[in-house]
Amino acid sequence: MSYLFSQQFKISTFRKLWASLARAEQALGLPITHTQVKELEDNVEKIDFELALAYERKFRHDVMAHIYAFGDQCPHAKPIIHWGATSSYVTDNTDLIQLKAALKLLFSKLLHILRSLSVFARQEAASYTLGYTHYQPAQPTTVGKRACLWLQDLLFDARELERHIETLPFLGTKGATGTQASFLHLFDGDGRKVQELERLIAKDFGFSKVLPLSGQTYTRKMDLNLLNSLESFAATAHKMATDIRLLSHDQELSETKSPSQIGSSAMPFKNNPIYSERICGIARFVMSLAQNPAYTTAVQWLERSLDDSSNKRLAIPEAFLGADAILNLLAHLVTNLSVNPSKIQQHLEENLPHLAMENILMQAVKEGKDRQEVHETLRNLAGKSMDHIAKELKIDPQTISLSALSGRAKEQVREFLEQELSPFLKRHENNTATIPETTI
């Protein structure tokens, strides 16, 4: 991800776009030679950043600086570099190429998380655990069902990233105000050639769709939508990591601790959920960045203004880098979750009398009793033992089982994994990602 937002990637993509433009213009009849095109292609990666910086100090214009630096390296092609284009041809198309590649990387890593977490969910599908509402004991669920709640949100996020990858359009060759006037002039008024020029260049970079309308730049609504999706993913990750932090406090679920890991410089006994905490911290940062493209979209004057550029160069890369870091941490976390069955069982047994009350209430009404009266009776019995409650209500305590109290939790896990998640993962079974090892 760092490479995708590096200067090397950015400026080499500028150069690829200039080479593609020249190649397409040549194919459509403009006087550009094969020698000129090859010269551009041969120097795509050979960037003299010091030379470009010297030109930028002189011109105070980054794109013109790189046009001059590229021209110095390509003396034969120098006269035709950037022919008919405006700066946004390279800057905005590069942004879109960059964003598509970054989305694909995030998507691959998210698929890895979905696969790993689904294994955990399947293993723990029938592991009864105390459910919580308002962080107070509630009806039992299973560890696998809780994991599936995380999985379902992550699946929503994966589908959204997939949608962006499939639909993200190319800006193309729109010119200074989006009218394509300069290219129409180059092709002597032949609008079909102008359209074909866009199609050829978009194809070079793997885009099947070109944005039909623009000012000088692509609409900043696209950045807004993308970062909203990253914000949504960050919220999912934050919620999951927060759940793990809460369960770690209850000693029911924990991050696997390395033998030499130190939890506190002052308290040797500590075993803090460091990866979950780190995920929450980065997630909040990513969520905050989603405000930037909303403001930028709102204040783009007419066909364009330039206050978007400095903001985009900070907000967009950092949002993607943040989301990438979260995925790396999640990959480590998901494969290093430790369940504590004895502590889970202890909490279930301590709360069993209360857990049974809703089922008792429903059964009483089925037997013809007044629901509100029974509800009041049960409320007054809160805190009593299961035997006391059973005696007071004349029921057999053995009829209250965790299986009955947890409803269809086990079945819901199986149904979700088989009907929702597995088909999605099957479609992407050849899409894999290498996750860097988290050692710190």
Protein backbone atom coordinates (compact mmCIF):
# COMPACT_ATOMS: atom_id res chain seq x y z
CA MET A 1 0.00 0.00 0.00
CA SER A 2 2.88 2.36 0.74
CA TYR A 3 4.23 1.73 -2.76
CA LEU A 4 0.87 2.50 -4.38
CA PHE A 5 0.96 5.96 -2.80
CA SER A 6 4.67 6.54 -3.39
CA GLN A 7 6.14 9.14 -5.72
CA GLN A 8 7.66 6.38 -7.83
CA PHE A 9 4.24 4.84 -8.52
CA LYS A 10 2.61 8.22 -9.05
CA ILE A 11 5.11 9.71 -11.49
CA SER A 12 5.72 6.47 -13.39
CA THR A 13 1.94 6.36 -13.88
CA PHE A 14 2.03 9.95 -15.16
CA ARG A 15 4.57 8.75 -17.71
CA LYS A 16 2.56 5.66 -18.62
CA LEU A 17 -0.41 7.95 -19.25
CA TRP A 18 1.68 10.23 -21.48
CA ALA A 19 2.96 7.21 -23.41
CA SER A 20 -0.57 5.83 -23.74
CA LEU A 21 -1.84 9.20 -24.95
CA ALA A 22 0.88 9.38 -27.60
CA ARG A 23 0.25 5.78 -28.68
CA ALA A 24 -3.51 6.36 -29.01
CA GLU A 25 -3.05 9.68 -30.84
CA GLN A 26 -0.67 7.98 -33.26
CA ALA A 27 -3.14 5.14 -33.84
CA LEU A 28 -5.85 7.69 -34.63
CA GLY A 29 -3.73 9.46 -37.25
CA LEU A 30 -1.82 12.24 -35.50
CA PRO A 31 1.82 12.76 -36.64
CA ILE A 32 3.63 10.83 -33.91
CA THR A 33 6.37 8.33 -34.77
CA HIS A 34 7.03 4.86 -33.38
CA THR A 35 10.44 6.14 -32.26
CA GLN A 36 8.80 8.84 -30.13
CA VAL A 37 6.36 6.40 -28.54
CA LYS A 38 9.10 3.85 -27.77
CA GLU A 39 11.30 6.53 -26.26
CA LEU A 40 8.50 7.45 -23.86
CA GLU A 41 7.82 3.80 -22.99
CA ASP A 42 11.52 3.06 -22.35
CA ASN A 43 11.84 5.88 -19.81
CA VAL A 44 8.69 5.33 -17.76
CA GLU A 45 10.51 4.11 -14.64
CA LYS A 46 13.73 6.12 -15.07
CA ILE A 47 12.66 9.17 -13.10
CA ASP A 48 15.11 11.87 -12.09
CA PHE A 49 13.30 13.31 -9.11
CA GLU A 50 16.03 15.87 -8.38
CA LEU A 51 15.71 17.26 -11.89
CA ALA A 52 11.92 17.41 -11.58
CA LEU A 53 12.23 19.18 -8.23
CA ALA A 54 14.55 21.77 -9.76
CA TYR A 55 11.99 22.43 -12.48
CA GLU A 56 9.19 22.66 -9.91
CA ARG A 57 11.12 25.27 -7.92
CA LYS A 58 11.35 27.26 -11.15
CA PHE A 59 7.80 26.80 -12.49
CA ARG A 60 5.81 26.30 -9.23
CA HIS A 61 3.84 23.65 -11.15
CA ASP A 62 4.40 19.97 -10.47
CA VAL A 63 2.95 18.58 -13.69
CA MET A 64 4.91 20.98 -15.91
CA ALA A 65 8.04 20.14 -13.92
CA HIS A 66 7.62 16.46 -14.76
CA ILE A 67 6.80 17.21 -18.40
CA TYR A 68 10.12 19.06 -18.69
CA ALA A 69 12.04 16.35 -16.80
CA PHE A 70 10.50 13.65 -19.00
CA GLY A 71 11.24 15.70 -22.10
CA ASP A 72 14.91 16.02 -21.14
CA GLN A 73 15.10 12.21 -21.03
CA CYS A 74 13.10 11.83 -24.26
CA PRO A 75 14.43 14.47 -26.66
CA HIS A 76 12.75 12.96 -29.74
CA ALA A 77 9.35 12.73 -28.02
CA LYS A 78 9.64 16.01 -26.14
CA PRO A 79 7.54 18.03 -28.65
CA ILE A 80 4.50 15.75 -28.36
CA ILE A 81 4.43 14.94 -24.61
CA HIS A 82 1.06 15.94 -23.09
CA TRP A 83 -0.33 16.89 -26.52
CA GLY A 84 -3.89 18.18 -26.12
CA ALA A 85 -4.04 17.33 -22.41
CA THR A 86 -4.46 19.37 -19.26
CA SER A 87 -2.84 18.58 -15.91
CA SER A 88 -5.81 16.62 -14.66
CA TYR A 89 -5.32 14.13 -17.47
CA VAL A 90 -2.34 12.75 -15.57
CA THR A 91 -3.18 13.72 -12.00
CA ASP A 92 -6.77 12.51 -11.89
CA ASN A 93 -6.36 9.43 -14.05
CA THR A 94 -3.37 8.50 -11.91
CA ASP A 95 -5.50 8.94 -8.79
CA LEU A 96 -8.11 6.57 -10.21
CA ILE A 97 -5.49 3.98 -11.24
CA GLN A 98 -4.01 4.27 -7.77
CA LEU A 99 -7.39 3.96 -6.05
CA LYS A 100 -8.40 0.91 -8.07
CA ALA A 101 -5.15 -0.87 -7.23
CA ALA A 102 -5.51 0.09 -3.56
CA LEU A 103 -9.10 -1.18 -3.47
CA LYS A 104 -7.99 -4.50 -4.96
CA LEU A 105 -5.31 -4.87 -2.29
CA LEU A 106 -7.75 -4.13 0.53
CA PHE A 107 -10.29 -6.51 -0.98
CA SER A 108 -7.77 -9.37 -1.19
CA LYS A 109 -6.79 -8.90 2.44
CA LEU A 110 -10.42 -8.69 3.53
CA LEU A 111 -11.10 -12.00 1.79
CA HIS A 112 -8.27 -13.47 3.87
CA ILE A 113 -9.92 -12.19 7.06
CA LEU A 114 -13.30 -13.61 6.03
CA ARG A 115 -11.77 -17.04 5.39
CA SER A 116 -9.88 -17.10 8.69
CA LEU A 117 -12.75 -15.83 10.82
CA SER A 118 -15.18 -18.28 9.21
CA VAL A 119 -12.99 -21.16 10.39
CA PHE A 120 -13.18 -19.81 13.94
CA ALA A 121 -16.95 -19.31 13.68
CA ARG A 122 -17.48 -22.87 12.46
CA GLN A 123 -15.32 -24.31 15.23
CA GLU A 124 -17.21 -22.38 17.90
CA ALA A 125 -20.71 -22.68 16.37
CA ALA A 126 -22.05 -24.71 19.31
CA SER A 127 -19.96 -23.19 22.11
CA TYR A 128 -22.58 -21.66 24.39
CA THR A 129 -21.73 -18.30 25.89
CA LEU A 130 -23.47 -15.55 27.78
CA GLY A 131 -25.13 -12.99 25.55
CA TYR A 132 -25.15 -9.32 26.50
CA THR A 133 -27.46 -6.41 25.82
CA HIS A 134 -26.45 -3.03 27.25
CA TYR A 135 -23.38 -5.01 28.40
CA GLN A 136 -25.66 -6.72 30.91
CA PRO A 137 -26.28 -10.50 30.96
CA ALA A 138 -28.97 -11.54 28.48
CA GLN A 139 -30.05 -14.68 26.62
CA PRO A 140 -27.24 -17.12 25.78
CA THR A 141 -25.78 -17.26 22.31
CA THR A 142 -22.74 -19.10 20.98
CA VAL A 143 -19.19 -17.94 20.41
CA GLY A 144 -19.59 -18.85 16.74
CA LYS A 145 -22.78 -16.82 16.40
CA ARG A 146 -21.04 -13.78 17.84
CA ALA A 147 -18.19 -14.26 15.36
CA CYS A 148 -20.77 -14.45 12.56
CA LEU A 149 -22.10 -11.04 13.58
CA TRP A 150 -18.60 -9.69 12.91
CA LEU A 151 -18.41 -11.71 9.70
CA GLN A 152 -21.70 -10.38 8.42
CA ASP A 153 -20.55 -6.77 8.81
CA LEU A 154 -17.22 -7.59 7.16
CA LEU A 155 -19.10 -9.24 4.31
CA PHE A 156 -21.13 -6.06 3.81
CA ASP A 157 -17.84 -4.17 3.58
CA ALA A 158 -16.32 -6.70 1.16
CA ARG A 159 -19.32 -6.44 -1.16
CA GLU A 160 -18.99 -2.66 -1.11
CA LEU A 161 -15.29 -2.79 -2.01
CA GLU A 162 -16.10 -5.27 -4.76
CA ARG A 163 -18.72 -2.87 -6.15
CA HIS A 164 -16.22 -0.01 -6.24
CA ILE A 165 -13.61 -2.15 -8.01
CA GLU A 166 -16.10 -3.20 -10.66
CA THR A 167 -17.65 0.24 -11.26
CA LEU A 168 -14.84 2.77 -10.72
CA PRO A 169 -14.62 4.75 -13.97
CA PHE A 170 -11.67 6.36 -15.74
CA LEU A 171 -11.62 10.13 -16.23
CA GLY A 172 -10.23 9.85 -19.75
CA THR A 173 -9.33 12.83 -21.91
CA LYS A 174 -11.75 15.58 -20.93
CA GLY A 175 -9.62 18.71 -21.35
CA ALA A 176 -9.53 21.97 -19.43
CA THR A 177 -13.25 22.26 -18.62
CA GLY A 178 -14.45 18.78 -19.48
CA THR A 179 -15.69 19.62 -22.99
CA GLN A 180 -12.85 17.82 -24.87
CA ALA A 181 -12.47 20.92 -27.02
CA SER A 182 -8.68 20.59 -27.40
CA PHE A 183 -8.93 17.00 -28.61
CA LEU A 184 -11.80 17.81 -30.94
CA HIS A 185 -9.54 20.47 -32.47
CA LEU A 186 -6.64 17.99 -32.82
CA PHE A 187 -8.88 15.58 -34.72
CA ASP A 188 -10.37 18.27 -36.97
CA GLY A 189 -13.81 18.05 -35.43
CA ASP A 190 -14.10 14.23 -35.57
CA GLY A 191 -15.96 13.43 -32.33
CA ARG A 192 -15.75 9.69 -32.93
CA LYS A 193 -11.95 9.85 -32.77
CA VAL A 194 -12.15 11.81 -29.53
CA GLN A 195 -14.31 9.07 -28.04
CA GLU A 196 -12.04 6.33 -29.37
CA LEU A 197 -9.03 8.11 -27.85
CA GLU A 198 -10.60 7.80 -24.41
CA ARG A 199 -11.54 4.18 -24.96
CA LEU A 200 -8.04 3.18 -26.07
CA ILE A 201 -6.34 4.85 -23.09
CA ALA A 202 -8.87 3.50 -20.58
CA LYS A 203 -8.32 -0.02 -21.97
CA ASP A 204 -4.55 0.36 -21.46
CA PHE A 205 -5.20 0.78 -17.73
CA GLY A 206 -7.86 -1.86 -17.26
CA PHE A 207 -10.92 0.38 -17.10
CA SER A 208 -14.03 -0.74 -18.96
CA LYS A 209 -15.99 2.43 -18.15
CA VAL A 210 -15.12 6.09 -18.73
CA LEU A 211 -16.79 8.84 -16.72
CA PRO A 212 -19.36 10.32 -19.13
CA LEU A 213 -19.25 13.85 -17.72
CA SER A 214 -16.72 15.92 -15.82
CA GLY A 215 -15.39 19.38 -15.36
CA GLN A 216 -11.61 19.47 -15.53
CA THR A 217 -11.43 16.81 -12.79
CA TYR A 218 -13.45 13.73 -11.98
CA THR A 219 -16.25 14.53 -9.58
CA ARG A 220 -14.97 14.51 -6.01
CA LYS A 221 -18.15 12.62 -5.16
CA MET A 222 -16.14 9.53 -6.13
CA ASP A 223 -13.59 10.19 -3.38
CA LEU A 224 -16.45 10.78 -0.96
CA ASN A 225 -18.06 7.44 -1.78
CA LEU A 226 -14.77 5.56 -1.52
CA LEU A 227 -13.83 6.99 1.85
CA ASN A 228 -17.35 6.41 3.14
CA SER A 229 -16.75 2.74 2.39
CA LEU A 230 -13.41 2.80 4.21
CA GLU A 231 -15.10 4.57 7.11
CA SER A 232 -17.73 1.82 7.18
CA PHE A 233 -15.06 -0.88 7.22
CA ALA A 234 -13.18 0.94 9.98
CA ALA A 235 -16.38 1.09 12.05
CA THR A 236 -16.84 -2.68 11.56
CA ALA A 237 -13.28 -3.36 12.68
CA HIS A 238 -13.65 -1.01 15.66
CA LYS A 239 -16.84 -2.76 16.78
CA MET A 240 -15.25 -6.20 16.49
CA ALA A 241 -12.09 -5.14 18.32
CA THR A 242 -14.16 -3.46 21.03
CA ASP A 243 -16.15 -6.67 21.55
CA ILE A 244 -12.88 -8.57 21.96
CA ARG A 245 -11.63 -5.97 24.45
CA LEU A 246 -14.82 -6.34 26.50
CA LEU A 247 -14.65 -10.13 26.42
CA SER A 248 -10.97 -9.95 27.33
CA HIS A 249 -11.97 -8.02 30.44
CA ASP A 250 -14.40 -10.85 31.26
CA GLN A 251 -11.62 -13.40 30.54
CA GLU A 252 -13.87 -15.23 28.07
CA LEU A 253 -11.91 -14.41 24.92
CA SER A 254 -8.37 -13.15 24.62
CA GLU A 255 -5.56 -12.43 22.22
CA THR A 256 -2.92 -15.13 22.33
CA LYS A 257 0.04 -13.78 24.28
CA SER A 258 3.64 -14.55 23.35
CA PRO A 259 5.72 -16.09 26.19
CA SER A 260 7.87 -12.98 26.61
CA GLN A 261 5.11 -10.39 26.09
CA ILE A 262 4.93 -7.71 28.79
CA GLY A 263 1.53 -6.23 29.55
CA SER A 264 2.62 -3.36 31.76
CA SER A 265 5.87 -1.80 32.92
CA ALA A 266 4.38 -1.45 36.42
CA MET A 267 1.96 -4.39 36.72
CA PRO A 268 3.63 -7.69 35.73
CA PHE A 269 0.33 -9.62 35.74
CA LYS A 270 -1.27 -7.59 32.96
CA ASN A 271 -2.33 -9.19 29.66
CA ASN A 272 -3.71 -6.31 27.64
CA PRO A 273 -5.54 -6.77 24.29
CA ILE A 274 -2.89 -4.75 22.45
CA TYR A 275 -3.90 -5.59 18.88
CA SER A 276 -7.58 -4.90 19.47
CA GLU A 277 -6.68 -1.58 21.06
CA ARG A 278 -4.44 -0.69 18.14
CA ILE A 279 -7.22 -1.54 15.67
CA CYS A 280 -9.62 0.76 17.53
CA GLY A 281 -7.13 3.62 17.51
CA ILE A 282 -6.38 3.40 13.78
CA ALA A 283 -10.06 2.82 12.97
CA ARG A 284 -11.03 6.08 14.66
CA PHE A 285 -8.39 7.87 12.58
CA VAL A 286 -9.71 6.39 9.32
CA MET A 287 -13.29 7.27 10.28
CA SER A 288 -12.28 10.88 10.91
CA LEU A 289 -10.68 11.17 7.47
CA ALA A 290 -13.99 10.46 5.72
CA GLN A 291 -15.09 14.02 6.50
CA ASN A 292 -12.46 15.51 4.19
CA PRO A 293 -13.88 14.45 0.81
CA ALA A 294 -17.34 15.56 1.92
CA TYR A 295 -16.06 19.08 2.45
CA THR A 296 -14.01 18.92 -0.77
CA THR A 297 -17.01 17.75 -2.80
CA ALA A 298 -19.12 20.55 -1.36
CA VAL A 299 -16.72 23.35 -2.31
CA GLN A 300 -15.61 22.36 -5.82
CA TRP A 301 -16.41 25.56 -7.69
CA LEU A 302 -17.97 25.20 -11.11
CA GLU A 303 -15.62 23.25 -13.45
CA ARG A 304 -12.90 22.98 -10.74
CA SER A 305 -10.86 24.71 -8.05
CA LEU A 306 -7.49 23.72 -6.64
CA ASP A 307 -8.08 23.58 -2.89
CA ASP A 308 -8.88 19.88 -3.28
CA SER A 309 -5.34 18.89 -4.27
CA SER A 310 -3.46 19.49 -1.01
CA ASN A 311 -6.29 17.92 1.00
CA LYS A 312 -6.49 14.84 -1.24
CA ARG A 313 -2.77 14.23 -1.01
CA LEU A 314 -3.14 13.81 2.75
CA ALA A 315 -6.61 12.36 3.34
CA ILE A 316 -6.83 9.75 0.57
CA PRO A 317 -3.47 7.98 1.06
CA GLU A 318 -3.75 8.01 4.84
CA ALA A 319 -7.27 6.54 4.75
CA PHE A 320 -6.07 3.65 2.56
CA LEU A 321 -2.88 3.16 4.56
CA GLY A 322 -4.97 3.13 7.75
CA ALA A 323 -7.44 0.59 6.36
CA ASP A 324 -4.53 -1.57 5.20
CA ALA A 325 -2.94 -1.46 8.66
CA ILE A 326 -6.24 -2.48 10.25
CA LEU A 327 -6.48 -5.49 7.92
CA ASN A 328 -2.92 -6.56 8.76
CA LEU A 329 -3.73 -6.39 12.47
CA LEU A 330 -7.06 -8.18 12.01
CA ALA A 331 -5.32 -11.02 10.18
CA HIS A 332 -3.05 -11.52 13.18
CA LEU A 333 -5.88 -11.13 15.68
CA VAL A 334 -8.32 -13.54 14.03
CA THR A 335 -5.77 -16.36 13.89
CA ASN A 336 -4.69 -15.79 17.48
CA LEU A 337 -7.97 -15.71 19.40
CA SER A 338 -8.12 -17.86 22.50
CA VAL A 339 -11.44 -19.01 24.01
CA ASN A 340 -11.67 -19.69 27.76
CA PRO A 341 -14.46 -22.32 28.15
CA SER A 342 -14.21 -22.55 31.95
CA LYS A 343 -14.73 -18.82 32.45
CA ILE A 344 -17.60 -18.85 29.92
CA GLN A 345 -19.24 -21.75 31.78
CA GLN A 346 -18.83 -19.96 35.09
CA HIS A 347 -20.61 -16.86 33.80
CA LEU A 348 -23.40 -18.97 32.31
CA GLU A 349 -24.00 -20.82 35.56
CA GLU A 350 -23.98 -17.64 37.61
CA ASN A 351 -26.64 -16.10 35.41
CA LEU A 352 -28.74 -19.15 34.53
CA PRO A 353 -31.69 -18.22 36.81
CA HIS A 354 -32.04 -14.89 35.05
CA LEU A 355 -31.43 -16.34 31.61
CA ALA A 356 -34.34 -18.71 32.02
CA MET A 357 -36.85 -16.02 32.88
CA GLU A 358 -37.91 -15.12 29.35
CA ASN A 359 -38.60 -18.74 28.48
CA ILE A 360 -40.50 -19.15 31.77
CA LEU A 361 -42.52 -16.04 30.95
CA MET A 362 -43.44 -17.33 27.49
CA GLN A 363 -44.36 -20.76 28.80
CA ALA A 364 -46.56 -19.25 31.51
CA VAL A 365 -48.52 -17.27 28.95
CA LYS A 366 -48.89 -20.39 26.79
CA GLU A 367 -50.45 -22.04 29.87
CA GLY A 368 -52.99 -19.24 30.16
CA LYS A 369 -51.38 -16.96 32.74
CA ASP A 370 -51.37 -13.15 32.48
CA ARG A 371 -48.08 -12.03 30.96
CA GLN A 372 -47.76 -8.80 32.95
CA GLU A 373 -48.53 -10.51 36.24
CA VAL A 374 -45.94 -13.21 35.59
CA HIS A 375 -43.43 -10.56 34.48
CA GLU A 376 -43.89 -8.77 37.83
CA THR A 377 -43.49 -12.02 39.74
CA LEU A 378 -40.27 -12.81 37.89
CA ARG A 379 -38.94 -9.31 38.41
CA ASN A 380 -39.41 -9.72 42.14
CA LEU A 381 -37.61 -13.08 42.01
CA ALA A 382 -34.54 -11.59 40.32
CA GLY A 383 -31.42 -12.56 42.21
CA LYS A 384 -32.88 -15.78 43.63
CA SER A 385 -31.45 -19.20 42.88
CA MET A 386 -32.75 -21.37 40.04
CA ASP A 387 -34.13 -23.86 42.56
CA HIS A 388 -35.97 -21.10 44.43
CA ILE A 389 -37.48 -19.73 41.22
CA ALA A 390 -38.48 -23.22 40.09
CA LYS A 391 -40.13 -23.94 43.43
CA GLU A 392 -41.96 -20.60 43.49
CA LEU A 393 -43.29 -21.09 39.96
CA LYS A 394 -43.78 -24.86 40.25
CA ILE A 395 -41.53 -25.77 37.30
CA ASP A 396 -38.81 -28.40 36.85
CA PRO A 397 -35.41 -26.63 36.69
CA GLN A 398 -34.06 -29.48 34.54
CA THR A 399 -36.35 -28.36 31.71
CA ILE A 400 -34.30 -25.19 31.33
CA SER A 401 -31.34 -26.05 29.07
CA LEU A 402 -28.68 -23.93 27.38
CA SER A 403 -29.70 -25.48 24.09
CA ALA A 404 -33.25 -24.22 24.50
CA LEU A 405 -32.15 -20.84 25.84
CA SER A 406 -29.77 -20.18 22.93
CA GLY A 407 -32.49 -20.61 20.32
CA ARG A 408 -31.29 -21.20 16.76
CA ALA A 409 -27.80 -19.78 17.30
CA LYS A 410 -26.03 -22.94 16.08
CA GLU A 411 -28.28 -23.23 13.05
CA GLN A 412 -27.87 -19.55 12.23
CA VAL A 413 -24.09 -20.00 12.12
CA ARG A 414 -24.36 -22.91 9.69
CA GLU A 415 -26.94 -21.16 7.53
CA PHE A 416 -24.98 -17.93 7.32
CA LEU A 417 -21.70 -19.64 6.48
CA GLU A 418 -23.24 -21.94 3.88
CA GLN A 419 -25.79 -19.63 2.29
CA GLU A 420 -24.16 -16.19 2.51
CA LEU A 421 -20.43 -16.36 3.07
CA SER A 422 -19.35 -19.54 1.27
CA PRO A 423 -20.82 -18.57 -2.14
CA PHE A 424 -19.10 -15.18 -1.94
CA LEU A 425 -15.75 -16.73 -1.02
CA LYS A 426 -16.18 -19.38 -3.70
CA ARG A 427 -16.46 -16.66 -6.36
CA HIS A 428 -13.13 -15.28 -5.19
CA GLU A 429 -11.30 -18.49 -4.30
CA ASN A 430 -8.34 -17.59 -6.54
CA ASN A 431 -7.96 -14.13 -5.02
CA THR A 432 -5.35 -14.43 -2.28
CA ALA A 433 -3.23 -11.95 -0.39
CA THR A 434 0.06 -12.11 1.46
CA ILE A 435 -0.39 -10.57 4.90
CA PRO A 436 2.80 -9.27 6.49
CA GLU A 437 3.61 -10.91 9.80
CA THR A 438 2.76 -8.73 12.78
CA THR A 439 5.72 -9.04 15.12
CA ILE A 440 5.21 -5.95 17.29
